[in-house]
N, C-alpha and C. Protein backbone atom coordinates (compact mmCIF):
# COMPACT_ATOMS: atom_id res chain seq x y z
N MET A 1 84.05 95.82 66.82
CA MET A 1 84.10 95.09 68.02
C MET A 1 85.39 94.54 68.27
N ASP A 2 86.17 94.09 67.41
CA ASP A 2 87.49 93.52 67.62
C ASP A 2 88.43 94.55 68.33
N GLU A 3 88.19 95.84 67.97
CA GLU A 3 89.01 96.90 68.58
C GLU A 3 88.65 96.95 70.10
N ALA A 4 87.29 96.89 70.39
CA ALA A 4 86.86 97.05 71.68
C ALA A 4 87.39 95.95 72.66
N SER A 5 87.39 94.61 72.02
CA SER A 5 87.93 93.45 72.92
C SER A 5 89.37 93.65 73.33
N TRP A 6 90.18 94.13 72.28
CA TRP A 6 91.60 94.37 72.43
C TRP A 6 91.79 95.34 73.49
N TRP A 7 90.93 96.38 73.49
CA TRP A 7 91.03 97.54 74.51
C TRP A 7 90.82 96.89 75.93
N ILE A 8 89.85 96.08 75.98
CA ILE A 8 89.56 95.41 77.35
C ILE A 8 90.77 94.55 77.75
N ILE A 9 91.41 93.68 76.90
CA ILE A 9 92.39 92.95 77.16
C ILE A 9 93.63 93.79 77.58
N ASP A 10 93.94 94.75 76.82
CA ASP A 10 95.15 95.61 76.97
C ASP A 10 95.15 96.55 78.14
N ILE A 11 93.92 97.10 78.54
CA ILE A 11 93.83 98.21 79.43
C ILE A 11 93.06 97.63 80.73
N VAL A 12 91.94 97.22 80.51
CA VAL A 12 91.16 96.81 81.69
C VAL A 12 91.84 95.50 82.37
N GLY A 13 92.17 94.69 81.73
CA GLY A 13 92.74 93.36 82.33
C GLY A 13 93.80 93.74 83.22
N PRO A 14 94.97 94.39 82.81
CA PRO A 14 96.01 94.66 83.68
C PRO A 14 95.63 95.58 84.86
N VAL A 15 94.69 96.51 84.65
CA VAL A 15 94.20 97.30 85.71
C VAL A 15 93.49 96.52 86.90
N ILE A 16 92.78 95.53 86.42
CA ILE A 16 92.07 94.72 87.49
C ILE A 16 92.98 93.80 88.14
N LEU A 17 93.99 93.42 87.44
CA LEU A 17 95.05 92.42 88.09
C LEU A 17 95.79 93.27 89.10
N LEU A 18 96.13 94.58 88.76
CA LEU A 18 96.91 95.33 89.67
C LEU A 18 96.00 95.63 90.92
N ILE A 19 94.84 95.73 90.77
CA ILE A 19 93.90 96.23 91.97
C ILE A 19 93.92 94.91 92.83
N VAL A 20 93.70 93.95 92.26
CA VAL A 20 93.48 92.54 93.08
C VAL A 20 94.86 92.36 93.80
N LEU A 21 96.04 92.53 93.03
CA LEU A 21 97.38 92.32 93.81
C LEU A 21 97.57 93.29 94.91
N ILE A 22 97.27 94.61 94.67
CA ILE A 22 97.38 95.51 95.85
C ILE A 22 96.39 95.26 97.05
N TRP A 23 95.24 94.73 96.57
CA TRP A 23 94.24 94.33 97.71
C TRP A 23 94.89 92.98 98.49
N LEU A 24 95.48 92.10 97.77
CA LEU A 24 96.00 90.97 98.61
C LEU A 24 97.22 91.46 99.43
N VAL A 25 97.94 92.32 98.93
CA VAL A 25 99.17 92.65 99.72
C VAL A 25 98.68 93.42 100.98
N MET A 26 97.58 94.42 100.80
CA MET A 26 97.24 94.99 101.98
C MET A 26 96.47 94.10 102.98
N ARG A 27 95.77 93.13 102.53
CA ARG A 27 95.01 92.26 103.29
C ARG A 27 96.19 91.44 104.09
N ARG A 28 97.11 90.92 103.49
CA ARG A 28 98.22 90.22 104.12
C ARG A 28 98.82 91.00 105.20
N ARG A 29 99.14 92.10 104.91
CA ARG A 29 99.93 93.01 105.94
C ARG A 29 98.89 93.28 107.18
N SER A 30 97.74 93.44 106.80
CA SER A 30 96.71 93.85 107.99
C SER A 30 96.55 92.59 109.04
N ASN A 31 96.81 91.39 108.45
CA ASN A 31 96.62 90.21 109.25
C ASN A 31 97.86 89.83 110.01
N ARG A 32 98.84 90.43 109.71
CA ARG A 32 100.15 89.97 110.47
C ARG A 32 100.17 90.82 111.72
N THR A 33 100.47 90.09 112.73
CA THR A 33 100.66 90.95 114.16
C THR A 33 101.94 90.68 114.52
N THR A 34 102.70 91.76 114.65
CA THR A 34 104.22 91.80 115.06
C THR A 34 104.27 91.50 116.54
N ASP A 35 103.39 91.83 117.29
CA ASP A 35 103.46 91.40 118.80
C ASP A 35 103.45 90.08 119.07
N GLN A 36 102.73 89.22 118.28
CA GLN A 36 102.73 87.85 118.54
C GLN A 36 104.09 87.31 117.95
N THR A 37 104.59 87.82 116.76
CA THR A 37 105.67 87.25 116.17
C THR A 37 106.90 87.45 117.16
N GLU A 38 107.05 88.78 117.80
CA GLU A 38 108.14 89.25 118.66
C GLU A 38 108.01 88.27 119.77
N ALA A 39 106.80 87.96 120.51
CA ALA A 39 106.72 87.31 121.64
C ALA A 39 107.09 85.88 121.50
N GLY A 40 106.81 85.40 120.25
CA GLY A 40 107.23 83.95 119.97
C GLY A 40 108.66 83.73 119.81
N THR A 41 109.28 84.79 119.26
CA THR A 41 110.80 84.93 119.08
C THR A 41 111.46 85.07 120.42
N ARG A 42 110.97 85.76 121.24
CA ARG A 42 111.59 85.88 122.61
C ARG A 42 111.45 84.59 123.40
N GLU A 43 110.22 83.95 123.23
CA GLU A 43 110.09 82.62 123.93
C GLU A 43 111.10 81.64 123.44
N LEU A 44 111.29 81.48 122.10
CA LEU A 44 112.17 80.63 121.51
C LEU A 44 113.56 80.82 122.12
N TYR A 45 114.00 82.27 122.05
CA TYR A 45 115.49 82.50 122.46
C TYR A 45 115.48 82.29 124.03
N ALA A 46 114.47 82.36 124.76
CA ALA A 46 114.57 82.10 126.25
C ALA A 46 114.77 80.49 126.48
N GLU A 47 113.97 79.72 125.64
CA GLU A 47 114.22 78.27 125.76
C GLU A 47 115.53 77.77 125.29
N GLU A 48 116.04 78.44 124.30
CA GLU A 48 117.37 78.01 123.90
C GLU A 48 118.49 78.50 124.85
N GLU A 49 118.24 79.71 125.47
CA GLU A 49 119.28 79.98 126.50
C GLU A 49 119.17 79.22 127.78
N GLN A 50 117.97 78.73 127.99
CA GLN A 50 117.91 77.79 129.29
C GLN A 50 118.60 76.50 128.95
N ARG A 51 118.31 75.97 127.80
CA ARG A 51 119.02 74.75 127.29
C ARG A 51 120.56 74.81 127.25
N ARG A 52 121.00 76.06 126.90
CA ARG A 52 122.39 76.30 126.80
C ARG A 52 123.04 76.28 128.27
N ARG A 53 122.35 76.88 129.11
CA ARG A 53 122.75 77.02 130.59
C ARG A 53 122.72 75.68 131.21
N GLU A 54 121.79 74.77 130.84
CA GLU A 54 121.64 73.47 131.40
C GLU A 54 122.71 72.42 130.82
N GLY A 55 123.30 72.92 129.67
CA GLY A 55 124.17 72.11 129.11
C GLY A 55 123.63 70.99 128.04
N SER A 56 122.16 71.12 127.93
CA SER A 56 121.41 70.20 127.06
C SER A 56 121.06 70.72 125.70
N ASP A 57 122.16 71.53 125.15
CA ASP A 57 121.87 72.24 123.79
C ASP A 57 122.31 71.33 122.57
N ASP A 58 122.82 70.06 122.76
CA ASP A 58 123.24 69.23 121.77
C ASP A 58 124.50 69.67 121.02
N LEU A 59 125.39 70.36 121.75
CA LEU A 59 126.74 70.79 121.19
C LEU A 59 127.96 70.00 121.66
């Protein structure tokens, strides 16, 4: 019985951990939308450019 529990700890435990980590990475990547990120970046750059043209960019 002692040998079986070590087998579970040494083999099954890391395999389960690896599967969970892969699942979390795939889940995180699927939730990310690059369109929203790029749109937000363009908006921020446009606001910054507008402030620069108006002279209110605090420089």
